[in-house]
Amino acid sequence: MKLLMDADCLIKLTKSKLKEVVCKNFAVTIPQLVKEEIIYNPQEHIDALIIKENIENKLIKLNTMTLSSKKGEDAIFSIFQQGGYEAICSDDKRFIKRLRFLISHT
């Protein structure tokens, strides 16, 4: 199953030490913008270093499609609309509410 994941979800999976299990069992992809949100200052955040290493080792795939989005959630939805992904993973209540609205009106 191919999943798109936002920064909060990926960071929480990393903190819970479940990210590797999830990434080995699902094809996890993040947009370039989400990578930048996570790895903005890796010296201060061990989670960012772990995620950066996962991207370099291709455990997490990076979607480098050029988007005009300024937020990771917008980039995720744009990529999802292109097709090829089964689910979006997020714990952001506003984003989930917006997704439900957008999907029900599509």
PDB file of N, CA and C in Angstrom:
ATOM      1  N   MET A   1       0.847  -1.173   0.000  1.00  0.00           N
ATOM      2  CA  MET A   1       0.000   0.000   0.000  1.00  0.00           C
ATOM      3  C   MET A   1       0.891   1.233   0.000  1.00  0.00           C
ATOM      4  N   LYS A   2       0.567   2.181  -0.881  1.00  0.00           N
ATOM      5  CA  LYS A   2       1.340   3.417  -0.996  1.00  0.00           C
ATOM      6  C   LYS A   2       0.672   4.518  -0.172  1.00  0.00           C
ATOM      7  N   LEU A   3       1.446   5.096   0.747  1.00  0.00           N
ATOM      8  CA  LEU A   3       0.947   6.108   1.671  1.00  0.00           C
ATOM      9  C   LEU A   3       1.693   7.428   1.503  1.00  0.00           C
ATOM     10  N   LEU A   4       0.964   8.521   1.633  1.00  0.00           N
ATOM     11  CA  LEU A   4       1.562   9.849   1.751  1.00  0.00           C
ATOM     12  C   LEU A   4       1.476  10.235   3.216  1.00  0.00           C
ATOM     13  N   MET A   5       2.534  10.808   3.755  1.00  0.00           N
ATOM     14  CA  MET A   5       2.563  11.090   5.179  1.00  0.00           C
ATOM     15  C   MET A   5       2.982  12.531   5.431  1.00  0.00           C
ATOM     16  N   ASP A   6       2.330  13.162   6.419  1.00  0.00           N
ATOM     17  CA  ASP A   6       2.728  14.524   6.779  1.00  0.00           C
ATOM     18  C   ASP A   6       3.801  14.490   7.858  1.00  0.00           C
ATOM     19  N   ALA A   7       4.358  15.649   8.147  1.00  0.00           N
ATOM     20  CA  ALA A   7       5.484  15.759   9.080  1.00  0.00           C
ATOM     21  C   ALA A   7       5.122  15.298  10.492  1.00  0.00           C
ATOM     22  N   ASP A   8       3.983  15.735  11.002  1.00  0.00           N
ATOM     23  CA  ASP A   8       3.598  15.359  12.366  1.00  0.00           C
ATOM     24  C   ASP A   8       3.477  13.855  12.527  1.00  0.00           C
ATOM     25  N   CYS A   9       2.838  13.223  11.585  1.00  0.00           N
ATOM     26  CA  CYS A   9       2.648  11.775  11.636  1.00  0.00           C
ATOM     27  C   CYS A   9       4.002  11.061  11.610  1.00  0.00           C
ATOM     28  N   LEU A  10       4.863  11.478  10.709  1.00  0.00           N
ATOM     29  CA  LEU A  10       6.177  10.853  10.584  1.00  0.00           C
ATOM     30  C   LEU A  10       7.023  11.046  11.840  1.00  0.00           C
ATOM     31  N   ILE A  11       6.974  12.227  12.409  1.00  0.00           N
ATOM     32  CA  ILE A  11       7.732  12.497  13.640  1.00  0.00           C
ATOM     33  C   ILE A  11       7.197  11.670  14.801  1.00  0.00           C
ATOM     34  N   LYS A  12       5.873  11.575  14.918  1.00  0.00           N
ATOM     35  CA  LYS A  12       5.290  10.783  16.015  1.00  0.00           C
ATOM     36  C   LYS A  12       5.600   9.296  15.856  1.00  0.00           C
ATOM     37  N   LEU A  13       5.598   8.795  14.620  1.00  0.00           N
ATOM     38  CA  LEU A  13       5.988   7.403  14.402  1.00  0.00           C
ATOM     39  C   LEU A  13       7.448   7.195  14.773  1.00  0.00           C
ATOM     40  N   THR A  14       8.287   8.173  14.488  1.00  0.00           N
ATOM     41  CA  THR A  14       9.703   8.080  14.837  1.00  0.00           C
ATOM     42  C   THR A  14       9.871   8.042  16.352  1.00  0.00           C
ATOM     43  N   LYS A  15       9.190   8.934  17.053  1.00  0.00           N
ATOM     44  CA  LYS A  15       9.284   8.984  18.518  1.00  0.00           C
ATOM     45  C   LYS A  15       8.781   7.692  19.161  1.00  0.00           C
ATOM     46  N   SER A  16       7.767   7.081  18.549  1.00  0.00           N
ATOM     47  CA  SER A  16       7.205   5.852  19.106  1.00  0.00           C
ATOM     48  C   SER A  16       8.021   4.614  18.734  1.00  0.00           C
ATOM     49  N   LYS A  17       9.032   4.825  17.890  1.00  0.00           N
ATOM     50  CA  LYS A  17       9.899   3.747  17.405  1.00  0.00           C
ATOM     51  C   LYS A  17       9.135   2.744  16.539  1.00  0.00           C
ATOM     52  N   LEU A  18       8.077   3.200  15.904  1.00  0.00           N
ATOM     53  CA  LEU A  18       7.289   2.351  15.002  1.00  0.00           C
ATOM     54  C   LEU A  18       7.506   2.685  13.529  1.00  0.00           C
ATOM     55  N   LYS A  19       8.256   3.744  13.248  1.00  0.00           N
ATOM     56  CA  LYS A  19       8.424   4.195  11.866  1.00  0.00           C
ATOM     57  C   LYS A  19       9.029   3.122  10.980  1.00  0.00           C
ATOM     58  N   GLU A  20      10.067   2.442  11.435  1.00  0.00           N
ATOM     59  CA  GLU A  20      10.711   1.430  10.609  1.00  0.00           C
ATOM     60  C   GLU A  20       9.743   0.301  10.276  1.00  0.00           C
ATOM     61  N   VAL A  21       8.947  -0.114  11.240  1.00  0.00           N
ATOM     62  CA  VAL A  21       7.963  -1.177  10.994  1.00  0.00           C
ATOM     63  C   VAL A  21       6.950  -0.723   9.949  1.00  0.00           C
ATOM     64  N   VAL A  22       6.447   0.491  10.099  1.00  0.00           N
ATOM     65  CA  VAL A  22       5.476   1.022   9.141  1.00  0.00           C
ATOM     66  C   VAL A  22       6.113   1.152   7.762  1.00  0.00           C
ATOM     67  N   CYS A  23       7.305   1.710   7.700  1.00  0.00           N
ATOM     68  CA  CYS A  23       7.960   1.947   6.404  1.00  0.00           C
ATOM     69  C   CYS A  23       8.380   0.655   5.717  1.00  0.00           C
ATOM     70  N   LYS A  24       8.636  -0.391   6.469  1.00  0.00           N
ATOM     71  CA  LYS A  24       8.994  -1.678   5.855  1.00  0.00           C
ATOM     72  C   LYS A  24       7.763  -2.411   5.337  1.00  0.00           C
ATOM     73  N   ASN A  25       6.582  -2.098   5.891  1.00  0.00           N
ATOM     74  CA  ASN A  25       5.361  -2.784   5.494  1.00  0.00           C
ATOM     75  C   ASN A  25       4.490  -1.984   4.531  1.00  0.00           C
ATOM     76  N   PHE A  26       4.780  -0.703   4.384  1.00  0.00           N
ATOM     77  CA  PHE A  26       4.043   0.174   3.479  1.00  0.00           C
ATOM     78  C   PHE A  26       5.045   1.035   2.728  1.00  0.00           C
ATOM     79  N   ALA A  27       4.675   1.443   1.526  1.00  0.00           N
ATOM     80  CA  ALA A  27       5.520   2.352   0.749  1.00  0.00           C
ATOM     81  C   ALA A  27       5.175   3.784   1.177  1.00  0.00           C
ATOM     82  N   VAL A  28       6.002   4.355   2.040  1.00  0.00           N
ATOM     83  CA  VAL A  28       5.753   5.689   2.592  1.00  0.00           C
ATOM     84  C   VAL A  28       6.477   6.733   1.744  1.00  0.00           C
ATOM     85  N   THR A  29       5.713   7.753   1.337  1.00  0.00           N
ATOM     86  CA  THR A  29       6.258   8.844   0.538  1.00  0.00           C
ATOM     87  C   THR A  29       5.929  10.164   1.221  1.00  0.00           C
ATOM     88  N   ILE A  30       6.879  11.091   1.142  1.00  0.00           N
ATOM     89  CA  ILE A  30       6.634  12.445   1.632  1.00  0.00           C
ATOM     90  C   ILE A  30       7.011  13.427   0.524  1.00  0.00           C
ATOM     91  N   PRO A  31       6.321  14.556   0.460  1.00  0.00           N
ATOM     92  CA  PRO A  31       6.718  15.596  -0.494  1.00  0.00           C
ATOM     93  C   PRO A  31       8.006  16.281  -0.036  1.00  0.00           C
ATOM     94  N   GLN A  32       8.695  16.906  -0.969  1.00  0.00           N
ATOM     95  CA  GLN A  32       9.906  17.672  -0.655  1.00  0.00           C
ATOM     96  C   GLN A  32       9.633  18.687   0.448  1.00  0.00           C
ATOM     97  N   LEU A  33       8.481  19.313   0.414  1.00  0.00           N
ATOM     98  CA  LEU A  33       8.127  20.326   1.408  1.00  0.00           C
ATOM     99  C   LEU A  33       8.053  19.738   2.815  1.00  0.00           C
ATOM    100  N   VAL A  34       7.542  18.523   2.938  1.00  0.00           N
ATOM    101  CA  VAL A  34       7.485  17.863   4.249  1.00  0.00           C
ATOM    102  C   VAL A  34       8.906  17.544   4.724  1.00  0.00           C
ATOM    103  N   LYS A  35       9.752  17.113   3.814  1.00  0.00           N
ATOM    104  CA  LYS A  35      11.152  16.859   4.181  1.00  0.00           C
ATOM    105  C   LYS A  35      11.770  18.130   4.754  1.00  0.00           C
ATOM    106  N   GLU A  36      11.539  19.248   4.090  1.00  0.00           N
ATOM    107  CA  GLU A  36      12.101  20.515   4.559  1.00  0.00           C
ATOM    108  C   GLU A  36      11.532  20.912   5.923  1.00  0.00           C
ATOM    109  N   GLU A  37      10.241  20.637   6.152  1.00  0.00           N
ATOM    110  CA  GLU A  37       9.639  20.939   7.455  1.00  0.00           C
ATOM    111  C   GLU A  37      10.304  20.132   8.563  1.00  0.00           C
ATOM    112  N   ILE A  38      10.624  18.886   8.277  1.00  0.00           N
ATOM    113  CA  ILE A  38      11.188  17.990   9.290  1.00  0.00           C
ATOM    114  C   ILE A  38      12.671  18.251   9.505  1.00  0.00           C
ATOM    115  N   ILE A  39      13.408  18.431   8.438  1.00  0.00           N
ATOM    116  CA  ILE A  39      14.868  18.479   8.507  1.00  0.00           C
ATOM    117  C   ILE A  39      15.386  19.909   8.507  1.00  0.00           C
ATOM    118  N   TYR A  40      14.581  20.853   8.912  1.00  0.00           N
ATOM    119  CA  TYR A  40      14.969  22.267   8.906  1.00  0.00           C
ATOM    120  C   TYR A  40      16.208  22.524   9.760  1.00  0.00           C
ATOM    121  N   ASN A  41      16.281  21.931  10.945  1.00  0.00           N
ATOM    122  CA  ASN A  41      17.404  22.145  11.847  1.00  0.00           C
ATOM    123  C   ASN A  41      17.779  20.821  12.514  1.00  0.00           C
ATOM    124  N   PRO A  42      18.407  19.905  11.792  1.00  0.00           N
ATOM    125  CA  PRO A  42      18.674  18.575  12.315  1.00  0.00           C
ATOM    126  C   PRO A  42      19.628  18.524  13.507  1.00  0.00           C
ATOM    127  N   GLN A  43      20.420  19.571  13.721  1.00  0.00           N
ATOM    128  CA  GLN A  43      21.338  19.545  14.853  1.00  0.00           C
ATOM    129  C   GLN A  43      20.585  19.488  16.184  1.00  0.00           C
ATOM    130  N   GLU A  44      19.379  20.038  16.224  1.00  0.00           N
ATOM    131  CA  GLU A  44      18.642  20.109  17.478  1.00  0.00           C
ATOM    132  C   GLU A  44      17.620  18.995  17.642  1.00  0.00           C
ATOM    133  N   HIS A  45      17.328  18.259  16.573  1.00  0.00           N
ATOM    134  CA  HIS A  45      16.260  17.264  16.639  1.00  0.00           C
ATOM    135  C   HIS A  45      16.748  15.912  16.144  1.00  0.00           C
ATOM    136  N   ILE A  46      16.897  14.972  17.059  1.00  0.00           N
ATOM    137  CA  ILE A  46      17.365  13.631  16.689  1.00  0.00           C
ATOM    138  C   ILE A  46      16.391  12.962  15.731  1.00  0.00           C
ATOM    139  N   ASP A  47      15.085  13.240  15.873  1.00  0.00           N
ATOM    140  CA  ASP A  47      14.098  12.662  14.953  1.00  0.00           C
ATOM    141  C   ASP A  47      14.383  13.081  13.520  1.00  0.00           C
ATOM    142  N   ALA A  48      14.772  14.319  13.334  1.00  0.00           N
ATOM    143  CA  ALA A  48      15.075  14.825  11.996  1.00  0.00           C
ATOM    144  C   ALA A  48      16.261  14.082  11.390  1.00  0.00           C
ATOM    145  N   LEU A  49      17.270  13.818  12.196  1.00  0.00           N
ATOM    146  CA  LEU A  49      18.435  13.082  11.700  1.00  0.00           C
ATOM    147  C   LEU A  49      18.058  11.661  11.293  1.00  0.00           C
ATOM    148  N   ILE A  50      17.213  11.022  12.089  1.00  0.00           N
ATOM    149  CA  ILE A  50      16.773   9.651  11.782  1.00  0.00           C
ATOM    150  C   ILE A  50      15.965   9.636  10.485  1.00  0.00           C
ATOM    151  N   ILE A  51      15.056  10.586  10.337  1.00  0.00           N
ATOM    152  CA  ILE A  51      14.222  10.659   9.136  1.00  0.00           C
ATOM    153  C   ILE A  51      15.078  10.978   7.912  1.00  0.00           C
ATOM    154  N   LYS A  52      16.033  11.881   8.065  1.00  0.00           N
ATOM    155  CA  LYS A  52      16.947  12.207   6.957  1.00  0.00           C
ATOM    156  C   LYS A  52      17.692  10.960   6.506  1.00  0.00           C
ATOM    157  N   GLU A  53      18.162  10.183   7.450  1.00  0.00           N
ATOM    158  CA  GLU A  53      18.865   8.935   7.134  1.00  0.00           C
ATOM    159  C   GLU A  53      17.922   7.952   6.428  1.00  0.00           C
ATOM    160  N   ASN A  54      16.676   7.868   6.881  1.00  0.00           N
ATOM    161  CA  ASN A  54      15.695   6.991   6.239  1.00  0.00           C
ATOM    162  C   ASN A  54      15.443   7.395   4.791  1.00  0.00           C
ATOM    163  N   ILE A  55      15.415   8.689   4.526  1.00  0.00           N
ATOM    164  CA  ILE A  55      15.223   9.174   3.151  1.00  0.00           C
ATOM    165  C   ILE A  55      16.451   8.818   2.312  1.00  0.00           C
ATOM    166  N   GLU A  56      17.638   9.046   2.857  1.00  0.00           N
ATOM    167  CA  GLU A  56      18.872   8.732   2.128  1.00  0.00           C
ATOM    168  C   GLU A  56      18.982   7.240   1.835  1.00  0.00           C
ATOM    169  N   ASN A  57      18.494   6.400   2.752  1.00  0.00           N
ATOM    170  CA  ASN A  57      18.536   4.942   2.575  1.00  0.00           C
ATOM    171  C   ASN A  57      17.311   4.406   1.835  1.00  0.00           C
ATOM    172  N   LYS A  58      16.452   5.311   1.380  1.00  0.00           N
ATOM    173  CA  LYS A  58      15.264   4.981   0.583  1.00  0.00           C
ATOM    174  C   LYS A  58      14.206   4.171   1.338  1.00  0.00           C
ATOM    175  N   LEU A  59      14.242   4.219   2.665  1.00  0.00           N
ATOM    176  CA  LEU A  59      13.173   3.610   3.453  1.00  0.00           C
ATOM    177  C   LEU A  59      11.919   4.478   3.340  1.00  0.00           C
ATOM    178  N   ILE A  60      12.137   5.793   3.222  1.00  0.00           N
ATOM    179  CA  ILE A  60      11.063   6.751   2.963  1.00  0.00           C
ATOM    180  C   ILE A  60      11.338   7.346   1.593  1.00  0.00           C
ATOM    181  N   LYS A  61      10.333   7.307   0.733  1.00  0.00           N
ATOM    182  CA  LYS A  61      10.494   7.859  -0.614  1.00  0.00           C
ATOM    183  C   LYS A  61      10.191   9.351  -0.597  1.00  0.00           C
ATOM    184  N   LEU A  62      10.847  10.065  -1.473  1.00  0.00           N
ATOM    185  CA  LEU A  62      10.671  11.505  -1.572  1.00  0.00           C
ATOM    186  C   LEU A  62      10.028  11.833  -2.911  1.00  0.00           C
ATOM    187  N   ASN A  63       8.901  12.533  -2.866  1.00  0.00           N
ATOM    188  CA  ASN A  63       8.243  13.000  -4.083  1.00  0.00           C
ATOM    189  C   ASN A  63       8.758  14.401  -4.342  1.00  0.00           C
ATOM    190  N   THR A  64       9.457  14.580  -5.445  1.00  0.00           N
ATOM    191  CA  THR A  64      10.091  15.860  -5.734  1.00  0.00           C
ATOM    192  C   THR A  64       9.306  16.687  -6.743  1.00  0.00           C
ATOM    193  N   MET A  65       8.027  16.331  -6.938  1.00  0.00           N
ATOM    194  CA  MET A  65       7.196  17.097  -7.857  1.00  0.00           C
ATOM    195  C   MET A  65       7.186  18.559  -7.430  1.00  0.00           C
ATOM    196  N   THR A  66       7.381  19.461  -8.370  1.00  0.00           N
ATOM    197  CA  THR A  66       7.384  20.884  -8.077  1.00  0.00           C
ATOM    198  C   THR A  66       5.953  21.347  -7.849  1.00  0.00           C
ATOM    199  N   LEU A  67       5.715  21.916  -6.683  1.00  0.00           N
ATOM    200  CA  LEU A  67       4.380  22.375  -6.311  1.00  0.00           C
ATOM    201  C   LEU A  67       4.457  23.818  -5.846  1.00  0.00           C
ATOM    202  N   SER A  68       3.354  24.520  -5.999  1.00  0.00           N
ATOM    203  CA  SER A  68       3.322  25.906  -5.539  1.00  0.00           C
ATOM    204  C   SER A  68       2.886  25.998  -4.077  1.00  0.00           C
ATOM    205  N   SER A  69       2.684  24.870  -3.441  1.00  0.00           N
ATOM    206  CA  SER A  69       2.211  24.833  -2.055  1.00  0.00           C
ATOM    207  C   SER A  69       3.248  25.412  -1.109  1.00  0.00           C
ATOM    208  N   LYS A  70       2.745  26.006  -0.037  1.00  0.00           N
ATOM    209  CA  LYS A  70       3.627  26.529   1.001  1.00  0.00           C
ATOM    210  C   LYS A  70       3.539  25.705   2.268  1.00  0.00           C
ATOM    211  N   LYS A  71       2.572  24.775   2.320  1.00  0.00           N
ATOM    212  CA  LYS A  71       2.403  23.920   3.484  1.00  0.00           C
ATOM    213  C   LYS A  71       2.478  22.465   3.046  1.00  0.00           C
ATOM    214  N   GLY A  72       3.037  21.635   3.912  1.00  0.00           N
ATOM    215  CA  GLY A  72       3.157  20.217   3.616  1.00  0.00           C
ATOM    216  C   GLY A  72       1.830  19.551   3.332  1.00  0.00           C
ATOM    217  N   GLU A  73       0.790  19.939   4.074  1.00  0.00           N
ATOM    218  CA  GLU A  73      -0.528  19.336   3.882  1.00  0.00           C
ATOM    219  C   GLU A  73      -1.079  19.636   2.489  1.00  0.00           C
ATOM    220  N   ASP A  74      -0.869  20.858   2.005  1.00  0.00           N
ATOM    221  CA  ASP A  74      -1.327  21.212   0.665  1.00  0.00           C
ATOM    222  C   ASP A  74      -0.578  20.397  -0.390  1.00  0.00           C
ATOM    223  N   ALA A  75       0.712  20.229  -0.184  1.00  0.00           N
ATOM    224  CA  ALA A  75       1.519  19.434  -1.113  1.00  0.00           C
ATOM    225  C   ALA A  75       1.046  17.985  -1.121  1.00  0.00           C
ATOM    226  N   ILE A  76       0.758  17.447   0.047  1.00  0.00           N
ATOM    227  CA  ILE A  76       0.280  16.063   0.147  1.00  0.00           C
ATOM    228  C   ILE A  76      -1.024  15.895  -0.619  1.00  0.00           C
ATOM    229  N   PHE A  77      -1.956  16.813  -0.430  1.00  0.00           N
ATOM    230  CA  PHE A  77      -3.246  16.696  -1.113  1.00  0.00           C
ATOM    231  C   PHE A  77      -3.071  16.821  -2.623  1.00  0.00           C
ATOM    232  N   SER A  78      -2.220  17.719  -3.088  1.00  0.00           N
ATOM    233  CA  SER A  78      -1.964  17.875  -4.526  1.00  0.00           C
ATOM    234  C   SER A  78      -1.399  16.589  -5.127  1.00  0.00           C
ATOM    235  N   ILE A  79      -0.463  15.986  -4.440  1.00  0.00           N
ATOM    236  CA  ILE A  79       0.132  14.732  -4.919  1.00  0.00           C
ATOM    237  C   ILE A  79      -0.906  13.619  -4.902  1.00  0.00           C
ATOM    238  N   PHE A  80      -1.711  13.556  -3.847  1.00  0.00           N
ATOM    239  CA  PHE A  80      -2.746  12.520  -3.738  1.00  0.00           C
ATOM    240  C   PHE A  80      -3.736  12.617  -4.897  1.00  0.00           C
ATOM    241  N   GLN A  81      -4.085  13.836  -5.279  1.00  0.00           N
ATOM    242  CA  GLN A  81      -5.025  14.038  -6.379  1.00  0.00           C
ATOM    243  C   GLN A  81      -4.470  13.539  -7.711  1.00  0.00           C
ATOM    244  N   GLN A  82      -3.154  13.481  -7.842  1.00  0.00           N
ATOM    245  CA  GLN A  82      -2.537  12.978  -9.076  1.00  0.00           C
ATOM    246  C   GLN A  82      -2.758  11.471  -9.231  1.00  0.00           C
ATOM    247  N   GLY A  83      -3.070  10.799  -8.133  1.00  0.00           N
ATOM    248  CA  GLY A  83      -3.313   9.358  -8.165  1.00  0.00           C
ATOM    249  C   GLY A  83      -2.083   8.554  -7.781  1.00  0.00           C
ATOM    250  N   GLY A  84      -2.314   7.263  -7.565  1.00  0.00           N
ATOM    251  CA  GLY A  84      -1.216   6.356  -7.259  1.00  0.00           C
ATOM    252  C   GLY A  84      -0.998   6.085  -5.784  1.00  0.00           C
ATOM    253  N   TYR A  85      -1.760   6.746  -4.925  1.00  0.00           N
ATOM    254  CA  TYR A  85      -1.624   6.539  -3.481  1.00  0.00           C
ATOM    255  C   TYR A  85      -2.969   6.106  -2.910  1.00  0.00           C
ATOM    256  N   GLU A  86      -2.923   5.195  -1.945  1.00  0.00           N
ATOM    257  CA  GLU A  86      -4.154   4.686  -1.341  1.00  0.00           C
ATOM    258  C   GLU A  86      -4.618   5.498  -0.135  1.00  0.00           C
ATOM    259  N   ALA A  87      -3.686   6.156   0.551  1.00  0.00           N
ATOM    260  CA  ALA A  87      -4.078   6.847   1.782  1.00  0.00           C
ATOM    261  C   ALA A  87      -3.135   8.005   2.098  1.00  0.00           C
ATOM    262  N   ILE A  88      -3.676   8.932   2.875  1.00  0.00           N
ATOM    263  CA  ILE A  88      -2.909  10.029   3.446  1.00  0.00           C
ATOM    264  C   ILE A  88      -2.871   9.792   4.949  1.00  0.00           C
ATOM    265  N   CYS A  89      -1.688   9.883   5.534  1.00  0.00           N
ATOM    266  CA  CYS A  89      -1.529   9.676   6.970  1.00  0.00           C
ATOM    267  C   CYS A  89      -1.251  11.019   7.643  1.00  0.00           C
ATOM    268  N   SER A  90      -2.134  11.378   8.567  1.00  0.00           N
ATOM    269  CA  SER A  90      -1.995  12.626   9.301  1.00  0.00           C
ATOM    270  C   SER A  90      -2.761  12.509  10.610  1.00  0.00           C
ATOM    271  N   ASP A  91      -2.326  13.274  11.590  1.00  0.00           N
ATOM    272  CA  ASP A  91      -3.101  13.363  12.829  1.00  0.00           C
ATOM    273  C   ASP A  91      -3.582  14.794  13.063  1.00  0.00           C
ATOM    274  N   ASP A  92      -3.426  15.635  12.047  1.00  0.00           N
ATOM    275  CA  ASP A  92      -3.828  17.037  12.130  1.00  0.00           C
ATOM    276  C   ASP A  92      -5.345  17.132  11.923  1.00  0.00           C
ATOM    277  N   LYS A  93      -6.066  17.485  12.974  1.00  0.00           N
ATOM    278  CA  LYS A  93      -7.532  17.509  12.917  1.00  0.00           C
ATOM    279  C   LYS A  93      -8.061  18.450  11.839  1.00  0.00           C
ATOM    280  N   ARG A  94      -7.460  19.617  11.707  1.00  0.00           N
ATOM    281  CA  ARG A  94      -7.918  20.559  10.666  1.00  0.00           C
ATOM    282  C   ARG A  94      -7.691  19.996   9.269  1.00  0.00           C
ATOM    283  N   PHE A  95      -6.547  19.377   9.063  1.00  0.00           N
ATOM    284  CA  PHE A  95      -6.238  18.792   7.762  1.00  0.00           C
ATOM    285  C   PHE A  95      -7.195  17.638   7.447  1.00  0.00           C
ATOM    286  N   ILE A  96      -7.459  16.799   8.413  1.00  0.00           N
ATOM    287  CA  ILE A  96      -8.376  15.670   8.209  1.00  0.00           C
ATOM    288  C   ILE A  96      -9.779  16.177   7.905  1.00  0.00           C
ATOM    289  N   LYS A  97     -10.225  17.195   8.628  1.00  0.00           N
ATOM    290  CA  LYS A  97     -11.546  17.776   8.369  1.00  0.00           C
ATOM    291  C   LYS A  97     -11.600  18.336   6.949  1.00  0.00           C
ATOM    292  N   ARG A  98     -10.549  19.021   6.541  1.00  0.00           N
ATOM    293  CA  ARG A  98     -10.479  19.580   5.191  1.00  0.00           C
ATOM    294  C   ARG A  98     -10.469  18.479   4.134  1.00  0.00           C
ATOM    295  N   LEU A  99      -9.723  17.400   4.389  1.00  0.00           N
ATOM    296  CA  LEU A  99      -9.699  16.273   3.462  1.00  0.00           C
ATOM    297  C   LEU A  99     -11.084  15.667   3.290  1.00  0.00           C
ATOM    298  N   ARG A 100     -11.766  15.472   4.401  1.00  0.00           N
ATOM    299  CA  ARG A 100     -13.124  14.910   4.320  1.00  0.00           C
ATOM    300  C   ARG A 100     -14.023  15.799   3.471  1.00  0.00           C
ATOM    301  N   PHE A 101     -13.921  17.098   3.658  1.00  0.00           N
ATOM    302  CA  PHE A 101     -14.737  18.034   2.880  1.00  0.00           C
ATOM    303  C   PHE A 101     -14.360  17.964   1.397  1.00  0.00           C
ATOM    304  N   LEU A 102     -13.074  18.058   1.104  1.00  0.00           N
ATOM    305  CA  LEU A 102     -12.625  18.071  -0.291  1.00  0.00           C
ATOM    306  C   LEU A 102     -12.954  16.778  -1.018  1.00  0.00           C
ATOM    307  N   ILE A 103     -12.764  15.651  -0.344  1.00  0.00           N
ATOM    308  CA  ILE A 103     -13.031  14.364  -0.975  1.00  0.00           C
ATOM    309  C   ILE A 103     -14.533  14.166  -1.195  1.00  0.00           C
ATOM    310  N   SER A 104     -15.354  14.624  -0.261  1.00  0.00           N
ATOM    311  CA  SER A 104     -16.806  14.448  -0.421  1.00  0.00           C
ATOM    312  C   SER A 104     -17.379  15.358  -1.499  1.00  0.00           C
ATOM    313  N   HIS A 105     -16.652  16.397  -1.874  1.00  0.00           N
ATOM    314  CA  HIS A 105     -17.122  17.328  -2.903  1.00  0.00           C
ATOM    315  C   HIS A 105     -16.359  17.162  -4.228  1.00  0.00           C
ATOM    316  N   THR A 106     -15.715  16.027  -4.397  1.00  0.00           N
ATOM    317  CA  THR A 106     -14.965  15.776  -5.613  1.00  0.00           C
ATOM    318  C   THR A 106     -15.728  14.838  -6.520  1.00  0.00           C
TER     319      THR A 106
END
